[in-house]
């Protein structure tokens, strides 16, 4: 674990599976995150970022989702098609660890990659690294 205080972060979780949304929320809570924004797919998340007025500091995003995949969503965010910083930190959560999938996610500009199931320690390490780079 880490000594970094995550309590002020607003974290968006973009995940189509209810179980994984709950797991991510619980893990974030264990890390001290108090504000979690839950989205069921990339289109819902993009719309929220375009038209919502809630600050988002970090995105945890699945890759395989209906309507709009995680890669499509992240491409739109990186192109500046959302009301947030185009370089907002993104950690991809996925059950797909194939090299091609990883390369595609890296090409879009992710900040971290975690294979499901999500663990407190793994997410803490990724979030700490991102926060350290952003200082």
C-alpha atoms as a PDB file:
ATOM      1  CA  UNK A   1       0.000   0.000   0.000  1.00  0.00           C
ATOM      2  CA  UNK A   2       0.967   3.648  -0.072  1.00  0.00           C
ATOM      3  CA  UNK A   3       1.070   6.777   2.039  1.00  0.00           C
ATOM      4  CA  UNK A   4      -0.494   8.877  -0.712  1.00  0.00           C
ATOM      5  CA  UNK A   5      -3.848  10.413   0.209  1.00  0.00           C
ATOM      6  CA  UNK A   6      -6.434   9.582  -2.467  1.00  0.00           C
ATOM      7  CA  UNK A   7      -9.382  11.039  -0.519  1.00  0.00           C
ATOM      8  CA  UNK A   8      -9.659  14.199  -2.618  1.00  0.00           C
ATOM      9  CA  UNK A   9      -9.743  12.333  -5.951  1.00  0.00           C
ATOM     10  CA  UNK A  10     -12.915  12.087  -8.028  1.00  0.00           C
ATOM     11  CA  UNK A  11     -12.624   8.743  -9.826  1.00  0.00           C
ATOM     12  CA  UNK A  12     -14.837   7.650 -12.713  1.00  0.00           C
ATOM     13  CA  UNK A  13     -15.398   3.914 -13.146  1.00  0.00           C
ATOM     14  CA  UNK A  14     -16.523   2.946 -16.667  1.00  0.00           C
ATOM     15  CA  UNK A  15     -17.585  -0.694 -16.558  1.00  0.00           C
ATOM     16  CA  UNK A  16     -20.569  -2.577 -17.979  1.00  0.00           C
ATOM     17  CA  UNK A  17     -20.583  -5.424 -15.433  1.00  0.00           C
ATOM     18  CA  UNK A  18     -22.379  -4.630 -12.169  1.00  0.00           C
ATOM     19  CA  UNK A  19     -20.153  -6.932 -10.109  1.00  0.00           C
ATOM     20  CA  UNK A  20     -16.986  -5.227 -11.383  1.00  0.00           C
ATOM     21  CA  UNK A  21     -18.465  -1.761 -10.743  1.00  0.00           C
ATOM     22  CA  UNK A  22     -19.157  -2.744  -7.124  1.00  0.00           C
ATOM     23  CA  UNK A  23     -15.712  -4.317  -6.751  1.00  0.00           C
ATOM     24  CA  UNK A  24     -13.978  -1.221  -8.149  1.00  0.00           C
ATOM     25  CA  UNK A  25     -16.008   1.049  -5.870  1.00  0.00           C
ATOM     26  CA  UNK A  26     -15.120  -1.064  -2.831  1.00  0.00           C
ATOM     27  CA  UNK A  27     -11.418  -1.143  -3.729  1.00  0.00           C
ATOM     28  CA  UNK A  28     -11.397   2.630  -4.264  1.00  0.00           C
ATOM     29  CA  UNK A  29     -13.130   3.120  -0.911  1.00  0.00           C
ATOM     30  CA  UNK A  30     -10.439   0.973   0.751  1.00  0.00           C
ATOM     31  CA  UNK A  31      -7.836   3.274  -0.778  1.00  0.00           C
ATOM     32  CA  UNK A  32      -9.620   6.295   0.706  1.00  0.00           C
ATOM     33  CA  UNK A  33     -11.383   7.595  -2.412  1.00  0.00           C
ATOM     34  CA  UNK A  34     -14.655   9.200  -1.303  1.00  0.00           C
ATOM     35  CA  UNK A  35     -16.067  10.340  -4.665  1.00  0.00           C
ATOM     36  CA  UNK A  36     -16.702   7.641  -7.279  1.00  0.00           C
ATOM     37  CA  UNK A  37     -18.645   8.304 -10.475  1.00  0.00           C
ATOM     38  CA  UNK A  38     -20.113   5.126 -11.974  1.00  0.00           C
ATOM     39  CA  UNK A  39     -20.799   4.758 -15.713  1.00  0.00           C
ATOM     40  CA  UNK A  40     -22.106   1.614 -17.452  1.00  0.00           C
ATOM     41  CA  UNK A  41     -20.410   2.127 -20.834  1.00  0.00           C
ATOM     42  CA  UNK A  42     -18.210   4.427 -22.870  1.00  0.00           C
ATOM     43  CA  UNK A  43     -21.063   6.410 -24.401  1.00  0.00           C
ATOM     44  CA  UNK A  44     -22.599   7.161 -21.010  1.00  0.00           C
ATOM     45  CA  UNK A  45     -19.180   8.208 -19.694  1.00  0.00           C
ATOM     46  CA  UNK A  46     -18.449  10.419 -22.708  1.00  0.00           C
ATOM     47  CA  UNK A  47     -21.838  12.122 -22.397  1.00  0.00           C
ATOM     48  CA  UNK A  48     -21.229  12.697 -18.696  1.00  0.00           C
ATOM     49  CA  UNK A  49     -17.811  14.203 -19.373  1.00  0.00           C
ATOM     50  CA  UNK A  50     -19.237  16.395 -22.140  1.00  0.00           C
ATOM     51  CA  UNK A  51     -22.265  17.711 -20.288  1.00  0.00           C
ATOM     52  CA  UNK A  52     -21.715  17.030 -16.582  1.00  0.00           C
ATOM     53  CA  UNK A  53     -20.268  19.517 -14.152  1.00  0.00           C
ATOM     54  CA  UNK A  54     -18.551  17.133 -11.733  1.00  0.00           C
ATOM     55  CA  UNK A  55     -14.761  17.187 -11.658  1.00  0.00           C
ATOM     56  CA  UNK A  56     -13.098  13.933 -12.712  1.00  0.00           C
ATOM     57  CA  UNK A  57      -9.453  13.347 -11.760  1.00  0.00           C
ATOM     58  CA  UNK A  58      -8.911   9.733 -12.832  1.00  0.00           C
ATOM     59  CA  UNK A  59     -10.721   7.185 -14.999  1.00  0.00           C
ATOM     60  CA  UNK A  60     -10.806   3.424 -14.493  1.00  0.00           C
ATOM     61  CA  UNK A  61     -12.127   1.961 -17.730  1.00  0.00           C
ATOM     62  CA  UNK A  62     -13.039  -1.476 -19.051  1.00  0.00           C
ATOM     63  CA  UNK A  63     -12.215  -2.163 -22.702  1.00  0.00           C
ATOM     64  CA  UNK A  64     -15.016  -4.537 -23.753  1.00  0.00           C
ATOM     65  CA  UNK A  65     -18.382  -2.776 -23.388  1.00  0.00           C
ATOM     66  CA  UNK A  66     -21.565  -2.427 -25.444  1.00  0.00           C
ATOM     67  CA  UNK A  67     -22.492   0.766 -27.329  1.00  0.00           C
ATOM     68  CA  UNK A  68     -18.985   2.265 -27.111  1.00  0.00           C
ATOM     69  CA  UNK A  69     -15.871   0.292 -26.202  1.00  0.00           C
ATOM     70  CA  UNK A  70     -13.289   1.558 -23.779  1.00  0.00           C
ATOM     71  CA  UNK A  71     -10.832   2.190 -26.627  1.00  0.00           C
ATOM     72  CA  UNK A  72     -13.406   4.246 -28.531  1.00  0.00           C
ATOM     73  CA  UNK A  73     -14.260   6.210 -25.388  1.00  0.00           C
ATOM     74  CA  UNK A  74     -10.612   6.905 -24.589  1.00  0.00           C
ATOM     75  CA  UNK A  75      -9.896   7.942 -28.173  1.00  0.00           C
ATOM     76  CA  UNK A  76     -12.680  10.533 -27.918  1.00  0.00           C
ATOM     77  CA  UNK A  77     -11.366  11.813 -24.580  1.00  0.00           C
ATOM     78  CA  UNK A  78      -7.799  12.080 -25.910  1.00  0.00           C
ATOM     79  CA  UNK A  79      -9.049  13.997 -28.973  1.00  0.00           C
ATOM     80  CA  UNK A  80     -10.561  16.589 -26.612  1.00  0.00           C
ATOM     81  CA  UNK A  81     -14.185  15.621 -27.278  1.00  0.00           C
ATOM     82  CA  UNK A  82     -15.078  15.781 -23.572  1.00  0.00           C
ATOM     83  CA  UNK A  83     -15.216  18.538 -20.983  1.00  0.00           C
ATOM     84  CA  UNK A  84     -12.063  17.370 -19.180  1.00  0.00           C
ATOM     85  CA  UNK A  85      -8.340  17.510 -19.726  1.00  0.00           C
ATOM     86  CA  UNK A  86      -7.469  15.353 -22.763  1.00  0.00           C
ATOM     87  CA  UNK A  87      -4.556  13.896 -20.802  1.00  0.00           C
ATOM     88  CA  UNK A  88      -6.685  12.884 -17.807  1.00  0.00           C
ATOM     89  CA  UNK A  89      -5.092   9.830 -16.164  1.00  0.00           C
ATOM     90  CA  UNK A  90      -6.642   6.547 -17.304  1.00  0.00           C
ATOM     91  CA  UNK A  91      -6.155   3.053 -15.940  1.00  0.00           C
ATOM     92  CA  UNK A  92      -7.608   0.310 -18.093  1.00  0.00           C
ATOM     93  CA  UNK A  93      -9.278  -2.633 -16.331  1.00  0.00           C
ATOM     94  CA  UNK A  94      -9.747  -5.659 -18.500  1.00  0.00           C
ATOM     95  CA  UNK A  95      -9.906  -9.409 -18.642  1.00  0.00           C
ATOM     96  CA  UNK A  96      -7.974  -9.290 -21.925  1.00  0.00           C
ATOM     97  CA  UNK A  97      -4.196  -9.310 -21.469  1.00  0.00           C
ATOM     98  CA  UNK A  98      -3.307 -10.184 -25.056  1.00  0.00           C
ATOM     99  CA  UNK A  99      -0.372  -8.244 -26.479  1.00  0.00           C
ATOM    100  CA  UNK A 100      -2.483  -6.720 -29.265  1.00  0.00           C
ATOM    101  CA  UNK A 101      -5.027  -5.393 -26.757  1.00  0.00           C
ATOM    102  CA  UNK A 102      -2.298  -3.914 -24.584  1.00  0.00           C
ATOM    103  CA  UNK A 103      -0.656  -2.242 -27.588  1.00  0.00           C
ATOM    104  CA  UNK A 104      -3.970  -0.737 -28.722  1.00  0.00           C
ATOM    105  CA  UNK A 105      -4.610   0.664 -25.242  1.00  0.00           C
ATOM    106  CA  UNK A 106      -1.091   2.092 -24.975  1.00  0.00           C
ATOM    107  CA  UNK A 107      -1.469   3.696 -28.412  1.00  0.00           C
ATOM    108  CA  UNK A 108      -4.577   5.537 -27.168  1.00  0.00           C
ATOM    109  CA  UNK A 109      -2.525   6.925 -24.289  1.00  0.00           C
ATOM    110  CA  UNK A 110      -3.418   5.036 -21.128  1.00  0.00           C
ATOM    111  CA  UNK A 111      -1.490   5.584 -17.899  1.00  0.00           C
ATOM    112  CA  UNK A 112      -1.844   2.063 -16.545  1.00  0.00           C
ATOM    113  CA  UNK A 113      -3.245  -1.367 -17.295  1.00  0.00           C
ATOM    114  CA  UNK A 114      -4.685  -3.860 -14.796  1.00  0.00           C
ATOM    115  CA  UNK A 115      -5.980  -7.326 -15.567  1.00  0.00           C
ATOM    116  CA  UNK A 116      -9.164  -8.304 -13.729  1.00  0.00           C
ATOM    117  CA  UNK A 117      -9.924  -9.151 -11.024  1.00  0.00           C
ATOM    118  CA  UNK A 118      -8.948  -5.844  -9.451  1.00  0.00           C
ATOM    119  CA  UNK A 119      -6.960  -5.851  -6.204  1.00  0.00           C
ATOM    120  CA  UNK A 120      -6.342  -3.120  -3.647  1.00  0.00           C
ATOM    121  CA  UNK A 121      -2.573  -3.496  -3.879  1.00  0.00           C
ATOM    122  CA  UNK A 122      -2.384  -3.429  -7.695  1.00  0.00           C
ATOM    123  CA  UNK A 123      -4.632  -0.372  -7.973  1.00  0.00           C
ATOM    124  CA  UNK A 124      -2.761   1.399  -5.176  1.00  0.00           C
ATOM    125  CA  UNK A 125       0.549   0.892  -6.993  1.00  0.00           C
ATOM    126  CA  UNK A 126      -0.846   2.199 -10.321  1.00  0.00           C
ATOM    127  CA  UNK A 127      -2.598   5.190  -8.753  1.00  0.00           C
ATOM    128  CA  UNK A 128       0.493   6.083  -6.699  1.00  0.00           C
ATOM    129  CA  UNK A 129       2.689   6.006  -9.808  1.00  0.00           C
ATOM    130  CA  UNK A 130       0.257   8.258 -11.666  1.00  0.00           C
ATOM    131  CA  UNK A 131       0.033  10.721  -8.787  1.00  0.00           C
ATOM    132  CA  UNK A 132       3.831  10.819  -8.445  1.00  0.00           C
ATOM    133  CA  UNK A 133       4.231  11.585 -12.182  1.00  0.00           C
ATOM    134  CA  UNK A 134       1.619  14.361 -11.991  1.00  0.00           C
ATOM    135  CA  UNK A 135       3.372  16.204  -9.151  1.00  0.00           C
END
